[in-house]
Amino acid sequence: MKLFHSVVVLLPAIAFAAGYGGAEGGNRLGEIIRIEGDVPDTIYIQKGRKDSEWKERYDLNQECPNFQKIFEGAKYFSCRVDSKSPLTGTRFRVTLSKKYQPCNVEPLFDKTPGEIYLCVEGCNKPRVPQKLIVSPWECI
């Protein structure tokens, strides 16, 4: 019976950690680019912080077909050169940053470095964000 209780107690924690909170970054035009979805599947574009509506929407799997591989340990993802989103023709490196600790808030106070996607190719276009900061679902 103790084993059963241990498994039941652990299940919510496992399910809780499985979500994706999204990734967000701004570009030189003041737009906000966000990758979103429980299983990330959409790129949203917002014209600025004052405008709360998403103005553009793109299918992440069409635009950046290898994005899902980062959940299998890939260190890079890239977006097609013939796609339509602001991420067209870009390549991002998945990295950790000690400057960004997304869970270092009450009640968690976890100082684990946060995950950031840094643009490493195709970054010179004005609509491309230089970085996308990941918001872990557990910390939102």
N, C-alpha and C. Protein backbone atom coordinates (compact mmCIF):
# COMPACT_ATOMS: atom_id res chain seq x y z
N MET A 1 0.81 -1.19 0.00
CA MET A 1 0.00 0.00 0.00
C MET A 1 0.86 1.27 0.00
N LYS A 2 2.02 1.24 0.67
CA LYS A 2 2.90 2.40 0.68
C LYS A 2 3.38 2.75 -0.73
N LEU A 3 3.68 1.73 -1.53
CA LEU A 3 4.13 1.97 -2.90
C LEU A 3 3.05 2.69 -3.69
N PHE A 4 1.81 2.28 -3.53
CA PHE A 4 0.70 2.91 -4.23
C PHE A 4 0.60 4.39 -3.88
N HIS A 5 0.70 4.71 -2.59
CA HIS A 5 0.63 6.11 -2.15
C HIS A 5 1.79 6.92 -2.71
N SER A 6 2.98 6.34 -2.77
CA SER A 6 4.14 7.05 -3.31
C SER A 6 3.93 7.39 -4.78
N VAL A 7 3.40 6.46 -5.53
CA VAL A 7 3.15 6.67 -6.95
C VAL A 7 2.09 7.75 -7.13
N VAL A 8 1.03 7.70 -6.36
CA VAL A 8 -0.04 8.67 -6.46
C VAL A 8 0.48 10.08 -6.12
N VAL A 9 1.33 10.19 -5.13
CA VAL A 9 1.88 11.49 -4.74
C VAL A 9 2.79 12.04 -5.83
N LEU A 10 3.53 11.20 -6.52
CA LEU A 10 4.46 11.66 -7.56
C LEU A 10 3.78 12.02 -8.87
N LEU A 11 2.66 11.44 -9.18
CA LEU A 11 2.01 11.67 -10.46
C LEU A 11 1.71 13.14 -10.74
N PRO A 12 1.14 13.90 -9.81
CA PRO A 12 0.89 15.30 -10.12
C PRO A 12 2.17 16.08 -10.42
N ALA A 13 3.24 15.81 -9.74
CA ALA A 13 4.50 16.52 -10.00
C ALA A 13 5.03 16.22 -11.38
N ILE A 14 4.92 14.97 -11.80
CA ILE A 14 5.38 14.58 -13.13
C ILE A 14 4.53 15.27 -14.19
N ALA A 15 3.22 15.27 -14.03
CA ALA A 15 2.34 15.90 -15.00
C ALA A 15 2.56 17.42 -15.02
N PHE A 16 2.81 17.99 -13.87
CA PHE A 16 3.01 19.42 -13.74
C PHE A 16 4.25 19.88 -14.51
N ALA A 17 5.30 19.09 -14.52
CA ALA A 17 6.55 19.48 -15.17
C ALA A 17 6.55 19.24 -16.67
N ALA A 18 5.50 18.65 -17.21
CA ALA A 18 5.50 18.25 -18.61
C ALA A 18 5.13 19.37 -19.58
N GLY A 19 4.57 20.49 -19.11
CA GLY A 19 4.09 21.52 -20.00
C GLY A 19 5.20 22.43 -20.51
N TYR A 20 4.87 23.19 -21.55
CA TYR A 20 5.79 24.16 -22.13
C TYR A 20 5.16 25.53 -21.94
N GLY A 21 5.86 26.42 -21.29
CA GLY A 21 5.30 27.73 -20.98
C GLY A 21 5.45 28.76 -22.09
N GLY A 22 6.21 28.43 -23.12
CA GLY A 22 6.39 29.35 -24.23
C GLY A 22 7.76 30.00 -24.21
N ALA A 23 8.07 30.69 -25.30
CA ALA A 23 9.32 31.44 -25.43
C ALA A 23 8.96 32.76 -26.10
N GLU A 24 9.61 33.84 -25.65
CA GLU A 24 9.24 35.15 -26.14
C GLU A 24 10.46 36.05 -26.29
N GLY A 25 10.41 36.89 -27.31
CA GLY A 25 11.47 37.87 -27.51
C GLY A 25 10.98 39.02 -28.36
N GLY A 26 11.67 40.15 -28.28
CA GLY A 26 11.31 41.31 -29.07
C GLY A 26 12.29 41.53 -30.20
N ASN A 27 11.83 42.24 -31.23
CA ASN A 27 12.72 42.55 -32.35
C ASN A 27 12.95 44.06 -32.43
N ARG A 28 13.72 44.50 -33.41
CA ARG A 28 14.08 45.92 -33.55
C ARG A 28 12.89 46.80 -33.94
N LEU A 29 11.81 46.19 -34.42
CA LEU A 29 10.63 46.96 -34.79
C LEU A 29 9.65 47.12 -33.63
N GLY A 30 10.01 46.55 -32.48
CA GLY A 30 9.13 46.63 -31.31
C GLY A 30 8.08 45.55 -31.26
N GLU A 31 8.14 44.60 -32.18
CA GLU A 31 7.19 43.48 -32.18
C GLU A 31 7.61 42.46 -31.14
N ILE A 32 6.64 41.72 -30.65
CA ILE A 32 6.90 40.62 -29.73
C ILE A 32 6.62 39.32 -30.47
N ILE A 33 7.60 38.44 -30.48
CA ILE A 33 7.47 37.14 -31.13
C ILE A 33 7.37 36.11 -30.02
N ARG A 34 6.36 35.24 -30.10
CA ARG A 34 6.14 34.25 -29.06
C ARG A 34 5.88 32.89 -29.68
N ILE A 35 6.58 31.88 -29.15
CA ILE A 35 6.33 30.49 -29.51
C ILE A 35 5.46 29.94 -28.39
N GLU A 36 4.34 29.36 -28.75
CA GLU A 36 3.36 29.01 -27.73
C GLU A 36 2.63 27.71 -28.04
N GLY A 37 2.03 27.16 -27.01
CA GLY A 37 1.22 25.95 -27.10
C GLY A 37 1.66 24.95 -26.06
N ASP A 38 0.74 24.12 -25.56
CA ASP A 38 1.11 23.09 -24.58
C ASP A 38 2.22 22.23 -25.15
N VAL A 39 2.06 21.83 -26.39
CA VAL A 39 3.14 21.27 -27.18
C VAL A 39 3.36 22.38 -28.21
N PRO A 40 4.49 23.09 -28.17
CA PRO A 40 4.62 24.29 -28.99
C PRO A 40 4.28 24.04 -30.45
N ASP A 41 3.32 24.83 -30.95
CA ASP A 41 2.86 24.61 -32.31
C ASP A 41 2.56 25.90 -33.07
N THR A 42 2.69 27.05 -32.39
CA THR A 42 2.32 28.31 -33.03
C THR A 42 3.33 29.41 -32.74
N ILE A 43 3.59 30.24 -33.75
CA ILE A 43 4.38 31.46 -33.59
C ILE A 43 3.39 32.61 -33.68
N TYR A 44 3.34 33.43 -32.63
CA TYR A 44 2.47 34.60 -32.61
C TYR A 44 3.31 35.86 -32.69
N ILE A 45 2.76 36.88 -33.35
CA ILE A 45 3.42 38.18 -33.45
C ILE A 45 2.46 39.23 -32.89
N GLN A 46 2.96 40.01 -31.95
CA GLN A 46 2.21 41.10 -31.35
C GLN A 46 2.93 42.39 -31.72
N LYS A 47 2.22 43.43 -32.05
CA LYS A 47 2.84 44.68 -32.53
C LYS A 47 3.56 45.45 -31.44
N GLY A 48 3.29 45.20 -30.20
CA GLY A 48 3.95 45.89 -29.09
C GLY A 48 3.25 45.57 -27.79
N ARG A 49 3.85 45.94 -26.68
CA ARG A 49 3.27 45.63 -25.36
C ARG A 49 1.92 46.29 -25.13
N LYS A 50 1.71 47.49 -25.71
CA LYS A 50 0.45 48.19 -25.50
C LYS A 50 -0.70 47.52 -26.24
N ASP A 51 -0.39 46.87 -27.33
CA ASP A 51 -1.40 46.18 -28.13
C ASP A 51 -1.47 44.74 -27.65
N SER A 52 -2.55 44.37 -27.01
CA SER A 52 -2.62 43.05 -26.39
C SER A 52 -3.05 41.93 -27.33
N GLU A 53 -3.38 42.25 -28.57
CA GLU A 53 -3.82 41.21 -29.50
C GLU A 53 -2.68 40.73 -30.39
N TRP A 54 -2.71 39.43 -30.70
CA TRP A 54 -1.74 38.87 -31.64
C TRP A 54 -2.19 39.24 -33.04
N LYS A 55 -1.30 39.87 -33.82
CA LYS A 55 -1.63 40.34 -35.16
C LYS A 55 -1.33 39.32 -36.26
N GLU A 56 -0.36 38.47 -36.00
CA GLU A 56 0.01 37.44 -36.98
C GLU A 56 0.14 36.11 -36.25
N ARG A 57 -0.06 35.05 -37.01
CA ARG A 57 0.03 33.71 -36.44
C ARG A 57 0.56 32.76 -37.51
N TYR A 58 1.51 31.90 -37.10
CA TYR A 58 2.13 30.97 -38.05
C TYR A 58 2.23 29.59 -37.41
N ASP A 59 2.18 28.57 -38.23
CA ASP A 59 2.32 27.19 -37.78
C ASP A 59 3.80 26.90 -37.55
N LEU A 60 4.18 26.69 -36.29
CA LEU A 60 5.58 26.47 -35.93
C LEU A 60 6.16 25.26 -36.66
N ASN A 61 5.39 24.20 -36.78
CA ASN A 61 5.90 22.98 -37.42
C ASN A 61 6.15 23.17 -38.91
N GLN A 62 5.43 24.09 -39.55
CA GLN A 62 5.69 24.40 -40.96
C GLN A 62 6.88 25.36 -41.09
N GLU A 63 6.93 26.34 -40.22
CA GLU A 63 7.97 27.38 -40.29
C GLU A 63 9.34 26.85 -39.84
N CYS A 64 9.36 26.12 -38.74
CA CYS A 64 10.61 25.63 -38.13
C CYS A 64 10.45 24.13 -37.87
N PRO A 65 10.54 23.31 -38.92
CA PRO A 65 10.19 21.89 -38.80
C PRO A 65 11.02 21.08 -37.80
N ASN A 66 12.21 21.53 -37.45
CA ASN A 66 13.00 20.74 -36.50
C ASN A 66 12.94 21.29 -35.07
N PHE A 67 12.03 22.21 -34.79
CA PHE A 67 11.92 22.80 -33.45
C PHE A 67 11.68 21.74 -32.38
N GLN A 68 10.80 20.79 -32.65
CA GLN A 68 10.43 19.78 -31.64
C GLN A 68 11.63 18.93 -31.21
N LYS A 69 12.67 18.88 -32.01
CA LYS A 69 13.85 18.07 -31.67
C LYS A 69 14.61 18.62 -30.46
N ILE A 70 14.37 19.89 -30.09
CA ILE A 70 15.06 20.41 -28.91
C ILE A 70 14.60 19.69 -27.64
N PHE A 71 13.41 19.11 -27.67
CA PHE A 71 12.92 18.37 -26.51
C PHE A 71 13.54 16.98 -26.44
N GLU A 72 14.27 16.62 -27.48
CA GLU A 72 15.01 15.35 -27.50
C GLU A 72 16.49 15.59 -27.30
N GLY A 73 16.86 16.84 -26.99
CA GLY A 73 18.25 17.15 -26.70
C GLY A 73 19.00 17.92 -27.78
N ALA A 74 18.35 18.26 -28.89
CA ALA A 74 19.02 19.04 -29.93
C ALA A 74 19.42 20.41 -29.38
N LYS A 75 20.57 20.89 -29.79
CA LYS A 75 21.10 22.17 -29.30
C LYS A 75 20.78 23.34 -30.24
N TYR A 76 20.19 23.05 -31.39
CA TYR A 76 19.84 24.09 -32.35
C TYR A 76 18.48 23.79 -32.97
N PHE A 77 17.81 24.84 -33.42
CA PHE A 77 16.66 24.67 -34.31
C PHE A 77 16.75 25.76 -35.36
N SER A 78 16.21 25.49 -36.51
CA SER A 78 16.26 26.47 -37.59
C SER A 78 14.90 26.56 -38.25
N CYS A 79 14.70 27.67 -38.96
CA CYS A 79 13.45 27.91 -39.64
C CYS A 79 13.71 28.01 -41.14
N ARG A 80 12.77 27.53 -41.89
CA ARG A 80 12.93 27.45 -43.35
C ARG A 80 13.18 28.82 -43.97
N VAL A 81 13.96 28.83 -45.03
CA VAL A 81 14.26 30.09 -45.72
C VAL A 81 13.08 30.56 -46.57
N ASP A 82 12.15 29.66 -46.87
CA ASP A 82 10.99 30.02 -47.69
C ASP A 82 9.72 30.14 -46.85
N SER A 83 9.87 30.33 -45.55
CA SER A 83 8.70 30.46 -44.69
C SER A 83 8.26 31.93 -44.64
N LYS A 84 7.20 32.23 -43.89
CA LYS A 84 6.61 33.57 -43.91
C LYS A 84 6.75 34.32 -42.60
N SER A 85 7.12 33.67 -41.53
CA SER A 85 7.18 34.32 -40.23
C SER A 85 8.45 35.17 -40.09
N PRO A 86 8.55 36.00 -39.05
CA PRO A 86 9.78 36.76 -38.81
C PRO A 86 10.99 35.87 -38.57
N LEU A 87 10.80 34.60 -38.26
CA LEU A 87 11.91 33.69 -38.01
C LEU A 87 12.47 33.05 -39.29
N THR A 88 11.98 33.45 -40.44
CA THR A 88 12.41 32.93 -41.73
C THR A 88 13.93 32.95 -41.89
N GLY A 89 14.49 31.80 -42.23
CA GLY A 89 15.92 31.71 -42.52
C GLY A 89 16.84 31.87 -41.31
N THR A 90 16.31 31.67 -40.13
CA THR A 90 17.13 31.84 -38.92
C THR A 90 17.54 30.49 -38.34
N ARG A 91 18.54 30.56 -37.48
CA ARG A 91 18.97 29.39 -36.71
C ARG A 91 19.21 29.87 -35.29
N PHE A 92 18.69 29.13 -34.32
CA PHE A 92 18.81 29.48 -32.92
C PHE A 92 19.53 28.38 -32.16
N ARG A 93 20.38 28.81 -31.21
CA ARG A 93 21.08 27.87 -30.33
C ARG A 93 20.34 27.84 -29.00
N VAL A 94 20.10 26.64 -28.51
CA VAL A 94 19.46 26.45 -27.21
C VAL A 94 20.55 26.50 -26.15
N THR A 95 20.43 27.41 -25.19
CA THR A 95 21.47 27.59 -24.19
C THR A 95 20.85 27.91 -22.83
N LEU A 96 21.67 27.88 -21.80
CA LEU A 96 21.24 28.25 -20.46
C LEU A 96 21.93 29.56 -20.08
N SER A 97 21.25 30.37 -19.29
CA SER A 97 21.81 31.64 -18.84
C SER A 97 21.65 31.78 -17.34
N LYS A 98 22.75 31.98 -16.63
CA LYS A 98 22.69 32.20 -15.19
C LYS A 98 22.07 33.56 -14.87
N LYS A 99 22.08 34.49 -15.84
CA LYS A 99 21.48 35.80 -15.62
C LYS A 99 19.95 35.72 -15.58
N TYR A 100 19.41 34.67 -16.16
CA TYR A 100 17.97 34.48 -16.22
C TYR A 100 17.60 33.26 -15.38
N GLN A 101 16.93 33.47 -14.27
CA GLN A 101 16.50 32.39 -13.37
C GLN A 101 14.98 32.47 -13.25
N PRO A 102 14.26 31.83 -14.17
CA PRO A 102 12.81 32.01 -14.26
C PRO A 102 12.02 31.54 -13.04
N CYS A 103 12.56 30.62 -12.28
CA CYS A 103 11.81 30.09 -11.13
C CYS A 103 12.26 30.72 -9.82
N ASN A 104 13.10 31.74 -9.86
CA ASN A 104 13.59 32.37 -8.64
C ASN A 104 12.57 33.39 -8.13
N VAL A 105 11.35 32.92 -7.93
CA VAL A 105 10.26 33.74 -7.41
C VAL A 105 9.55 32.97 -6.30
N GLU A 106 8.83 33.69 -5.49
CA GLU A 106 8.09 33.06 -4.40
C GLU A 106 7.06 32.11 -4.99
N PRO A 107 6.84 30.94 -4.53
CA PRO A 107 7.47 30.29 -3.39
C PRO A 107 8.63 29.38 -3.79
N LEU A 108 9.04 29.40 -5.06
CA LEU A 108 10.01 28.42 -5.55
C LEU A 108 11.45 28.74 -5.17
N PHE A 109 11.92 29.94 -5.46
CA PHE A 109 13.30 30.38 -5.20
C PHE A 109 14.33 29.37 -5.72
N ASP A 110 14.10 28.92 -6.94
CA ASP A 110 15.01 28.00 -7.61
C ASP A 110 15.97 28.82 -8.46
N LYS A 111 17.25 28.75 -8.18
CA LYS A 111 18.25 29.56 -8.87
C LYS A 111 18.85 28.85 -10.09
N THR A 112 18.14 27.87 -10.61
CA THR A 112 18.60 27.15 -11.79
C THR A 112 18.64 28.10 -12.99
N PRO A 113 19.69 28.07 -13.79
CA PRO A 113 19.75 28.93 -14.98
C PRO A 113 18.58 28.67 -15.92
N GLY A 114 18.11 29.72 -16.54
CA GLY A 114 16.99 29.60 -17.46
C GLY A 114 17.43 29.30 -18.88
N GLU A 115 16.50 28.77 -19.65
CA GLU A 115 16.79 28.41 -21.04
C GLU A 115 16.48 29.60 -21.95
N ILE A 116 17.39 29.84 -22.88
CA ILE A 116 17.25 30.92 -23.86
C ILE A 116 17.62 30.39 -25.23
N TYR A 117 16.88 30.82 -26.26
CA TYR A 117 17.22 30.50 -27.64
C TYR A 117 17.92 31.73 -28.21
N LEU A 118 19.20 31.62 -28.54
CA LEU A 118 19.98 32.73 -29.09
C LEU A 118 20.08 32.62 -30.60
N CYS A 119 19.80 33.68 -31.30
CA CYS A 119 19.91 33.69 -32.75
C CYS A 119 21.38 33.64 -33.15
N VAL A 120 21.73 32.71 -34.03
CA VAL A 120 23.13 32.57 -34.47
C VAL A 120 23.28 32.69 -35.99
N GLU A 121 22.19 32.60 -36.73
CA GLU A 121 22.23 32.77 -38.20
C GLU A 121 20.98 33.47 -38.66
N GLY A 122 21.13 34.36 -39.64
CA GLY A 122 19.98 35.08 -40.18
C GLY A 122 19.44 36.14 -39.23
N CYS A 123 20.27 36.61 -38.34
CA CYS A 123 19.85 37.49 -37.25
C CYS A 123 19.82 38.97 -37.62
N ASN A 124 20.30 39.33 -38.80
CA ASN A 124 20.45 40.74 -39.15
C ASN A 124 19.17 41.39 -39.66
N LYS A 125 18.11 40.64 -39.88
CA LYS A 125 16.84 41.21 -40.35
C LYS A 125 16.11 41.88 -39.19
N PRO A 126 15.45 43.02 -39.43
CA PRO A 126 14.83 43.78 -38.33
C PRO A 126 13.71 43.04 -37.59
N ARG A 127 13.05 42.08 -38.23
CA ARG A 127 11.95 41.37 -37.56
C ARG A 127 12.42 40.17 -36.74
N VAL A 128 13.71 39.86 -36.77
CA VAL A 128 14.24 38.69 -36.06
C VAL A 128 14.62 39.07 -34.62
N PRO A 129 14.08 38.38 -33.63
CA PRO A 129 14.53 38.63 -32.25
C PRO A 129 15.92 38.03 -32.05
N GLN A 130 16.77 38.72 -31.31
CA GLN A 130 18.12 38.21 -31.06
C GLN A 130 18.10 37.06 -30.07
N LYS A 131 17.07 37.02 -29.22
CA LYS A 131 16.92 35.89 -28.30
C LYS A 131 15.45 35.71 -27.97
N LEU A 132 15.12 34.47 -27.65
CA LEU A 132 13.79 34.11 -27.18
C LEU A 132 13.98 33.50 -25.79
N ILE A 133 13.33 34.07 -24.81
CA ILE A 133 13.47 33.60 -23.43
C ILE A 133 12.35 32.62 -23.13
N VAL A 134 12.72 31.45 -22.65
CA VAL A 134 11.76 30.39 -22.36
C VAL A 134 11.17 30.61 -20.97
N SER A 135 9.86 30.50 -20.88
CA SER A 135 9.15 30.59 -19.60
C SER A 135 8.67 29.20 -19.23
N PRO A 136 9.34 28.54 -18.30
CA PRO A 136 8.91 27.19 -17.92
C PRO A 136 7.49 27.21 -17.35
N TRP A 137 6.71 26.25 -17.76
CA TRP A 137 5.33 26.14 -17.32
C TRP A 137 5.24 26.05 -15.80
N GLU A 138 6.20 25.38 -15.19
CA GLU A 138 6.18 25.20 -13.73
C GLU A 138 6.29 26.53 -13.00
N CYS A 139 6.85 27.54 -13.64
CA CYS A 139 7.16 28.81 -12.96
C CYS A 139 6.18 29.91 -13.28
N ILE A 140 5.24 29.65 -14.17
CA ILE A 140 4.30 30.69 -14.58
C ILE A 140 3.24 30.89 -13.52
